[in-house]
Protein backbone atom coordinates (compact mmCIF):
# COMPACT_ATOMS: atom_id res chain seq x y z
CA LEU A 1 -21.35 -19.68 19.83
CA VAL A 2 -24.68 -17.85 20.20
CA LEU A 3 -23.72 -14.18 19.94
CA ALA A 4 -27.29 -12.88 19.83
CA GLU A 5 -30.70 -14.46 20.19
CA ASN A 6 -34.07 -12.71 19.91
CA GLY A 7 -32.57 -9.28 20.41
CA ARG A 8 -30.44 -10.23 23.42
CA SER A 9 -26.78 -11.08 23.98
CA LYS A 10 -24.71 -12.31 26.91
CA TYR A 11 -21.52 -10.92 25.39
CA ARG A 12 -19.45 -7.89 26.23
CA ILE A 13 -16.47 -6.30 24.50
CA VAL A 14 -13.22 -6.24 26.48
CA ILE A 15 -10.13 -4.12 25.81
CA SER A 16 -7.04 -3.54 27.93
CA ARG A 17 -6.79 -0.55 30.26
CA GLY A 18 -3.85 0.77 28.27
CA ALA A 19 -5.52 0.25 24.91
CA THR A 20 -4.14 2.20 21.95
CA PRO A 21 -6.35 4.54 19.88
CA SER A 22 -6.72 1.88 17.20
CA GLU A 23 -7.71 -0.80 19.74
CA ARG A 24 -10.35 1.52 21.19
CA TYR A 25 -11.63 2.37 17.72
CA ALA A 26 -11.77 -1.32 16.82
CA ALA A 27 -13.94 -1.95 19.90
CA GLN A 28 -16.23 0.95 19.02
CA GLU A 29 -16.58 -0.28 15.45
CA PHE A 30 -17.38 -3.81 16.65
CA ARG A 31 -20.11 -2.42 18.90
CA ARG A 32 -21.55 -0.24 16.12
CA LEU A 33 -21.62 -3.00 13.51
CA PHE A 34 -23.00 -5.55 15.97
CA ARG A 35 -25.79 -3.11 16.84
CA GLU A 36 -26.60 -2.53 13.16
CA MET A 37 -26.90 -6.27 12.55
CA SER A 38 -28.57 -7.49 15.74
CA GLY A 39 -30.08 -4.43 17.37
CA VAL A 40 -28.09 -5.22 20.53
CA GLU A 41 -25.80 -2.65 22.17
CA LEU A 42 -22.80 -4.45 23.67
CA PRO A 43 -20.94 -2.84 26.59
CA ILE A 44 -17.23 -2.04 26.26
CA LEU A 45 -15.24 -2.81 29.39
CA GLU A 46 -11.58 -2.20 30.17
CA GLY A 47 -9.43 -4.86 31.75
CA ALA A 48 -12.30 -7.17 32.73
CA ARG A 49 -11.71 -10.84 32.08
CA ARG A 50 -13.85 -13.89 32.59
CA ASP A 51 -13.91 -17.29 30.97
CA ARG A 52 -17.04 -16.92 28.82
CA PHE A 53 -19.09 -14.50 26.75
CA GLU A 54 -16.31 -12.05 25.98
CA ILE A 55 -15.23 -10.44 22.72
CA ARG A 56 -11.58 -9.64 23.40
CA ILE A 57 -10.00 -7.01 21.20
CA HIS A 58 -6.28 -6.44 21.68
CA ASP A 59 -2.85 -6.60 20.10
CA CYS A 60 -0.97 -9.79 19.28
CA GLU A 61 1.55 -9.75 22.12
CA ASP A 62 0.24 -13.03 23.50
CA VAL A 63 0.46 -14.75 20.11
CA SER A 64 4.19 -15.28 20.54
CA VAL A 65 4.57 -17.98 17.89
CA TRP A 66 3.38 -15.68 15.11
CA GLU A 67 4.65 -12.34 13.82
CA PRO A 68 1.65 -10.43 12.47
CA GLY A 69 3.47 -7.29 11.40
CA PRO A 70 1.59 -3.97 11.58
CA ASP A 71 -1.37 -5.22 9.53
CA GLY A 72 -1.79 -8.92 10.36
CA TYR A 73 -4.38 -10.35 12.71
CA ALA A 74 -5.72 -13.51 14.32
CA ILE A 75 -9.39 -14.30 14.96
CA ARG A 76 -10.46 -17.15 17.21
CA ALA A 77 -13.94 -18.22 18.28
CA ARG A 78 -14.19 -21.00 20.84
CA ASP A 79 -15.40 -21.77 24.38
CA ASP A 80 -18.11 -19.08 24.19
CA SER A 81 -15.56 -16.30 23.61
CA ILE A 82 -14.13 -14.51 20.60
CA THR A 83 -10.62 -13.06 20.35
CA LEU A 84 -9.70 -10.50 17.71
CA ALA A 85 -5.96 -9.91 18.06
CA GLY A 86 -4.10 -7.70 15.63
CA GLY A 87 -0.66 -6.36 14.97
CA LEU A 88 -0.23 -2.72 15.85
CA PRO A 89 -1.08 -0.22 14.72
CA ARG A 90 -3.62 -1.38 12.09
CA GLY A 91 -4.14 -5.13 12.36
CA VAL A 92 -6.56 -4.96 15.27
CA VAL A 93 -8.91 -2.69 13.25
CA TYR A 94 -8.67 -4.97 10.22
CA ALA A 95 -9.60 -7.97 12.38
CA VAL A 96 -12.97 -6.40 13.21
CA TYR A 97 -13.82 -5.66 9.57
CA ASP A 98 -12.68 -9.12 8.47
CA PHE A 99 -14.92 -10.72 11.10
CA PHE A 100 -18.04 -8.85 10.04
CA GLU A 101 -17.32 -9.25 6.34
CA LYS A 102 -16.38 -12.93 6.15
CA ARG A 103 -18.35 -14.37 9.07
CA LEU A 104 -21.49 -12.23 9.09
CA GLY A 105 -21.90 -11.03 5.50
CA GLY A 106 -21.18 -7.32 5.90
CA ARG A 107 -20.01 -5.39 2.83
CA TRP A 108 -18.75 -1.86 2.18
CA PHE A 109 -19.21 -0.32 -1.27
CA ALA A 110 -18.50 3.36 -0.54
CA ARG A 111 -17.87 5.59 2.44
CA ASP A 112 -21.63 5.91 2.97
CA VAL A 113 -22.92 2.70 1.35
CA ALA A 114 -22.81 -0.57 3.29
CA ILE A 115 -24.82 -3.76 3.67
CA MET A 116 -25.13 -5.11 7.19
CA PRO A 117 -27.68 -7.95 7.05
CA ARG A 118 -30.11 -8.05 9.94
CA ARG A 119 -29.51 -11.05 12.21
CA ASP A 120 -31.84 -11.39 15.19
CA ASN A 121 -30.15 -14.71 15.88
CA MET A 122 -26.39 -14.69 15.41
CA VAL A 123 -24.68 -18.09 15.71
CA LEU A 124 -21.11 -19.06 14.80
CA GLU A 125 -19.24 -22.33 14.69
CA PRO A 126 -15.80 -22.35 16.39
CA PHE A 127 -12.94 -21.29 14.11
CA HIS A 128 -9.37 -19.98 14.21
CA GLU A 129 -7.65 -18.07 11.43
CA LEU A 130 -4.48 -16.07 10.90
CA HIS A 131 -4.06 -13.44 8.23
CA ARG A 132 -1.08 -11.38 7.10
CA PRO A 133 -1.42 -9.28 3.92
CA ARG A 134 0.84 -10.28 1.05
CA PHE A 135 1.26 -6.65 0.00
CA GLU A 136 2.85 -4.32 2.53
CA TYR A 137 1.40 -1.22 0.84
CA ARG A 138 -2.20 -1.25 -0.36
CA GLU A 139 -4.00 1.68 -1.96
CA VAL A 140 -7.19 1.96 -4.00
CA PHE A 141 -6.48 5.07 -6.01
CA TYR A 142 -9.72 6.94 -6.48
CA THR A 143 -11.14 9.81 -4.44
CA GLU A 144 -13.87 7.87 -2.66
CA ALA A 145 -11.30 5.47 -1.22
CA PHE A 146 -9.25 8.28 0.33
CA ASP A 147 -11.89 8.67 3.05
CA GLY A 148 -10.20 7.39 6.21
CA ASP A 149 -13.06 5.24 7.53
CA PHE A 150 -13.71 3.65 4.13
CA ALA A 151 -10.00 3.08 3.50
CA ALA A 152 -9.67 1.22 6.80
CA ARG A 153 -12.64 -0.99 5.90
CA LEU A 154 -10.90 -1.81 2.62
CA ARG A 155 -7.72 -2.58 4.60
CA SER A 156 -5.98 0.14 2.61
CA ASN A 157 -2.93 1.73 4.26
CA GLY A 158 -1.64 3.98 1.47
CA ALA A 159 -0.31 7.50 1.74
CA HIS A 160 -3.25 9.31 0.13
CA ALA A 161 -5.97 8.02 2.45
CA ARG A 162 -7.00 10.26 5.35
CA LEU A 163 -6.02 7.67 7.96
CA ASP A 164 -5.30 8.94 11.46
CA ALA A 165 -4.33 7.39 14.80
CA LYS A 166 -7.67 5.70 15.40
CA HIS A 167 -7.30 3.82 12.10
CA GLY A 168 -3.70 2.93 12.92
CA GLY A 169 -2.23 5.53 10.60
CA LYS A 170 -0.74 4.75 7.20
CA ILE A 171 2.51 4.16 5.34
CA ALA A 172 3.84 7.63 4.58
CA TYR A 173 5.32 8.04 1.10
CA PHE A 174 7.11 11.20 -0.05
CA PRO A 175 6.71 13.00 -2.40
CA PHE A 176 4.68 10.49 -4.47
CA VAL A 177 5.97 9.88 -8.04
CA HIS A 178 7.43 11.62 -11.14
CA THR A 179 10.00 13.39 -9.00
CA PHE A 180 12.94 14.12 -11.32
CA HIS A 181 11.87 17.73 -11.89
CA THR A 182 11.14 18.10 -8.17
CA ILE A 183 14.71 17.01 -7.44
CA LEU A 184 16.32 19.19 -10.15
CA PRO A 185 13.83 21.82 -11.39
CA PRO A 186 14.72 22.93 -14.95
CA ASP A 187 13.90 26.57 -14.17
CA LYS A 188 16.58 26.48 -11.46
CA TYR A 189 19.31 24.43 -13.14
CA PHE A 190 18.85 24.25 -16.91
CA LYS A 191 20.27 27.65 -17.86
CA ASP A 192 23.63 27.07 -16.16
CA HIS A 193 23.72 23.27 -16.29
CA PRO A 194 21.93 21.88 -19.34
CA GLU A 195 24.14 18.79 -19.00
CA TYR A 196 21.99 17.74 -16.03
CA PHE A 197 19.08 17.01 -18.36
CA SER A 198 18.27 14.66 -21.23
CA GLU A 199 20.20 14.80 -24.45
CA ILE A 200 17.73 14.35 -27.32
CA ASP A 201 18.93 14.40 -30.95
CA GLY A 202 22.21 15.98 -29.92
CA ARG A 203 20.82 18.78 -27.75
CA ARG A 204 19.88 19.08 -24.10
CA VAL A 205 16.19 19.39 -23.22
CA GLY A 206 14.88 20.68 -19.89
CA ALA A 207 11.08 20.83 -19.84
CA GLY A 208 9.20 17.72 -20.95
CA ALA A 209 12.19 15.43 -20.54
CA GLN A 210 14.19 13.50 -17.94
CA LEU A 211 17.56 13.76 -16.18
CA CYS A 212 20.96 12.64 -17.43
CA LEU A 213 21.37 9.63 -15.16
CA THR A 214 25.10 9.14 -15.73
CA ASN A 215 26.10 12.68 -14.80
CA PRO A 216 27.93 12.52 -11.42
CA ASP A 217 26.62 15.93 -10.34
CA VAL A 218 23.04 14.80 -10.94
CA LEU A 219 23.69 11.83 -8.66
CA ARG A 220 25.29 14.05 -6.00
CA LEU A 221 22.44 16.57 -6.04
CA THR A 222 19.82 13.83 -5.99
CA ILE A 223 21.39 12.20 -2.92
CA GLU A 224 21.52 15.60 -1.20
CA CYS A 225 17.85 16.18 -2.04
CA VAL A 226 16.76 12.76 -0.76
CA LYS A 227 18.69 13.22 2.47
CA GLY A 228 16.89 16.54 2.91
CA TRP A 229 13.53 14.81 2.41
CA ILE A 230 14.46 12.24 5.03
CA ARG A 231 15.43 14.97 7.48
CA ASP A 232 12.26 16.99 6.87
CA HIS A 233 9.87 14.01 6.76
CA PRO A 234 11.05 11.59 9.47
CA ASP A 235 7.74 9.69 9.50
CA ALA A 236 7.95 8.76 5.82
CA ALA A 237 8.93 5.17 5.08
CA ILE A 238 9.36 5.49 1.31
CA PHE A 239 10.95 8.18 -0.86
CA SER A 240 10.44 8.38 -4.61
CA VAL A 241 13.22 8.89 -7.14
CA SER A 242 11.31 8.41 -10.35
CA GLN A 243 11.03 9.52 -13.96
CA ASN A 244 8.84 12.43 -15.00
CA ASP A 245 5.43 11.76 -16.50
CA CYS A 246 6.69 11.97 -20.07
CA PHE A 247 9.13 10.26 -22.41
CA ASN A 248 12.43 11.78 -23.70
CA ASN A 249 14.91 9.80 -21.64
CA CYS A 250 18.54 10.80 -22.03
CA GLN A 251 20.30 9.59 -25.20
CA CYS A 252 23.83 10.74 -24.35
CA LYS A 253 26.65 8.29 -25.02
CA SER A 254 26.96 7.17 -21.39
CA CYS A 255 23.24 6.66 -20.72
CA LYS A 256 22.70 5.00 -24.09
CA ALA A 257 25.56 2.55 -23.49
CA ILE A 258 23.92 1.27 -20.29
CA ASP A 259 20.49 1.04 -21.90
CA GLU A 260 21.83 -0.88 -24.90
CA ARG A 261 23.71 -3.29 -22.64
CA GLU A 262 20.64 -3.85 -20.45
CA GLY A 263 18.15 -3.98 -23.32
CA SER A 264 15.92 -1.26 -21.85
CA PRO A 265 16.05 2.34 -20.59
CA SER A 266 15.30 0.84 -17.19
CA GLY A 267 19.01 0.01 -17.16
CA SER A 268 20.28 3.57 -16.68
CA LEU A 269 17.35 4.33 -14.36
CA LEU A 270 17.96 1.37 -12.06
CA ALA A 271 21.74 1.90 -12.04
CA PHE A 272 21.11 5.48 -10.89
CA VAL A 273 18.43 4.62 -8.32
CA ASN A 274 20.60 1.85 -6.85
CA LYS A 275 23.37 4.39 -6.20
CA VAL A 276 20.93 6.75 -4.49
CA ALA A 277 19.61 3.88 -2.36
CA GLU A 278 23.15 2.87 -1.43
CA ALA A 279 23.64 6.33 0.09
CA VAL A 280 20.55 5.93 2.35
CA PRO A 281 20.56 2.21 3.23
CA ASP A 282 18.10 2.62 6.11
CA ARG A 283 15.32 4.01 3.87
CA LEU A 284 13.23 2.59 1.03
CA ILE A 285 13.71 4.25 -2.34
CA ASP A 286 10.88 3.91 -4.83
CA THR A 287 11.06 4.21 -8.60
CA LEU A 288 8.85 3.39 -11.57
CA ALA A 289 8.74 0.75 -14.25
CA TYR A 290 6.54 2.92 -16.43
CA GLN A 291 6.05 3.39 -20.15
CA TYR A 292 9.60 3.38 -21.63
CA THR A 293 11.13 1.76 -18.49
CA ARG A 294 8.49 -0.94 -18.05
CA ARG A 295 10.72 -3.68 -19.47
CA PRO A 296 13.29 -4.79 -16.86
CA PRO A 297 17.06 -4.69 -17.43
CA LYS A 298 18.83 -7.87 -18.48
CA ASN A 299 21.45 -7.94 -15.74
CA LEU A 300 20.92 -5.24 -13.12
CA LYS A 301 18.86 -6.00 -10.04
CA PRO A 302 17.40 -3.56 -7.52
CA ARG A 303 19.09 -3.19 -4.16
CA GLU A 304 17.21 -4.59 -1.18
CA ASN A 305 15.97 -1.12 -0.26
CA VAL A 306 14.71 -0.30 -3.77
CA ILE A 307 11.02 -0.65 -4.62
CA VAL A 308 9.99 -0.87 -8.26
CA ARG A 309 6.44 0.27 -8.89
CA LEU A 310 5.34 -1.66 -11.98
CA CYS A 311 2.74 0.48 -13.72
CA SER A 312 -0.05 -1.11 -15.72
CA ILE A 313 -1.56 2.12 -17.00
CA GLU A 314 -1.86 0.79 -20.56
CA CYS A 315 -3.68 -2.37 -19.51
CA CYS A 316 -7.26 -3.43 -20.05
CA PHE A 317 -9.04 -3.97 -16.73
CA SER A 318 -12.35 -5.05 -18.18
CA HIS A 319 -10.87 -8.53 -18.60
CA PRO A 320 -8.42 -10.62 -16.55
CA ILE A 321 -4.80 -9.58 -17.01
CA GLU A 322 -3.72 -13.18 -17.55
CA THR A 323 -6.10 -13.87 -20.47
CA CYS A 324 -6.70 -10.57 -22.29
CA ASP A 325 -4.68 -10.21 -25.52
CA VAL A 326 -4.30 -6.47 -24.91
CA ASN A 327 -2.31 -7.29 -21.78
CA GLN A 328 0.21 -9.69 -23.35
CA ALA A 329 3.10 -7.22 -23.28
CA PHE A 330 2.40 -6.30 -19.66
CA ARG A 331 2.21 -9.98 -18.69
CA ASP A 332 5.60 -10.54 -20.26
CA ASP A 333 7.08 -7.59 -18.34
CA LEU A 334 5.47 -8.73 -15.10
CA VAL A 335 6.98 -12.19 -15.44
CA ALA A 336 10.37 -10.72 -16.35
CA TRP A 337 10.41 -8.35 -13.35
CA SER A 338 9.43 -11.19 -11.03
CA LYS A 339 12.72 -12.88 -11.91
CA VAL A 340 14.86 -9.94 -10.81
CA ILE A 341 12.94 -8.50 -7.86
CA SER A 342 11.51 -9.95 -4.66
CA TRP A 343 7.74 -10.38 -4.42
CA GLY A 344 7.60 -7.97 -1.49
CA ARG A 345 9.12 -5.20 -3.61
CA ARG A 346 6.91 -5.38 -6.69
CA TRP A 347 4.20 -2.76 -6.80
CA PRO A 348 1.51 -3.05 -9.50
CA GLU A 349 -0.36 0.18 -10.25
CA PRO A 350 -3.68 -0.59 -11.94
CA VAL A 351 -5.39 2.54 -13.22
CA GLN A 352 -9.09 2.57 -14.05
CA ARG A 353 -9.28 6.09 -15.41
CA TRP A 354 -12.21 7.47 -13.41
CA VAL A 355 -14.22 4.30 -12.79
CA PRO A 356 -13.43 1.78 -10.02
CA GLY A 357 -14.53 -1.22 -12.07
CA PRO A 358 -15.69 -2.38 -15.51
CA THR A 359 -18.82 -0.74 -16.86
CA ALA A 360 -21.89 -2.84 -16.11
CA THR A 361 -25.49 -2.62 -17.25
CA SER A 362 -28.47 -3.51 -15.09
């Protein structure tokens, strides 16, 4: 397929007359990137269809044998035409970036730094590929990657990116993590109900601690809180019921009995989160395997609507996780969690402090 030759092209971009905002944006991005590489401005037409020299950008409705989900896409180049078909709302945008990255050598390094190699002559061999991301939720967690345009180019769909309708939106997640004190604030409850909070060395501790996860009133109030979140945030897909960003988990007799039986404080946490999730079976409930809860329980398994975010904050990311000695304990926990939780519900959280990659010298 000769897409461009000596500054000229026979091709045109075609979208449907009822194209969604993300389909229209995908077409505009294809035109912009094609112009940057070849110098040729392709026209965008609605509804036109001919046998040759078209770049068709649309959803996957006509790919009936394949379920792309919201982020999957199919790219096909043959018979002098190219089809970029994506699941809605985001897959069609991802198809465009995949095409320019893998087939034409484009790269994005920051929101305002890209390499689009000049190609006066642009020729492709026929090909057909299908792609569906293995991870439903993808987020690069540093400020630069929260820019909506850059996030879409990275195929990131996480809650913190500024992704709007043209990008296909994002997976809304409320209210992020470390939510125990959001659910039961100590300044509201501790004075009258210290039993709601962690027992440490025989006394109840409010600030800088966790909740008592075997207290029935804590469970009742948590379920009420989560149902309120669901009511107030109907677009959110995931709701977090997760430990505070500190240690001091409850050591009362009831919590300790579960943790000793399960071999980890994740036991009382997961038992509690499962009960919350049971009360809202049509929503996803997220929790953390973090610091003192990183080791999985021996017997308990998460409900189908429970997501465990496995946090690798202690890990070394200057070397591969699978070979670095510093990461041995995390590797063991990762393998252990994989035996009790489905692959689609395991959420690694690599943290690079303030740098997006290992330090390098020129």
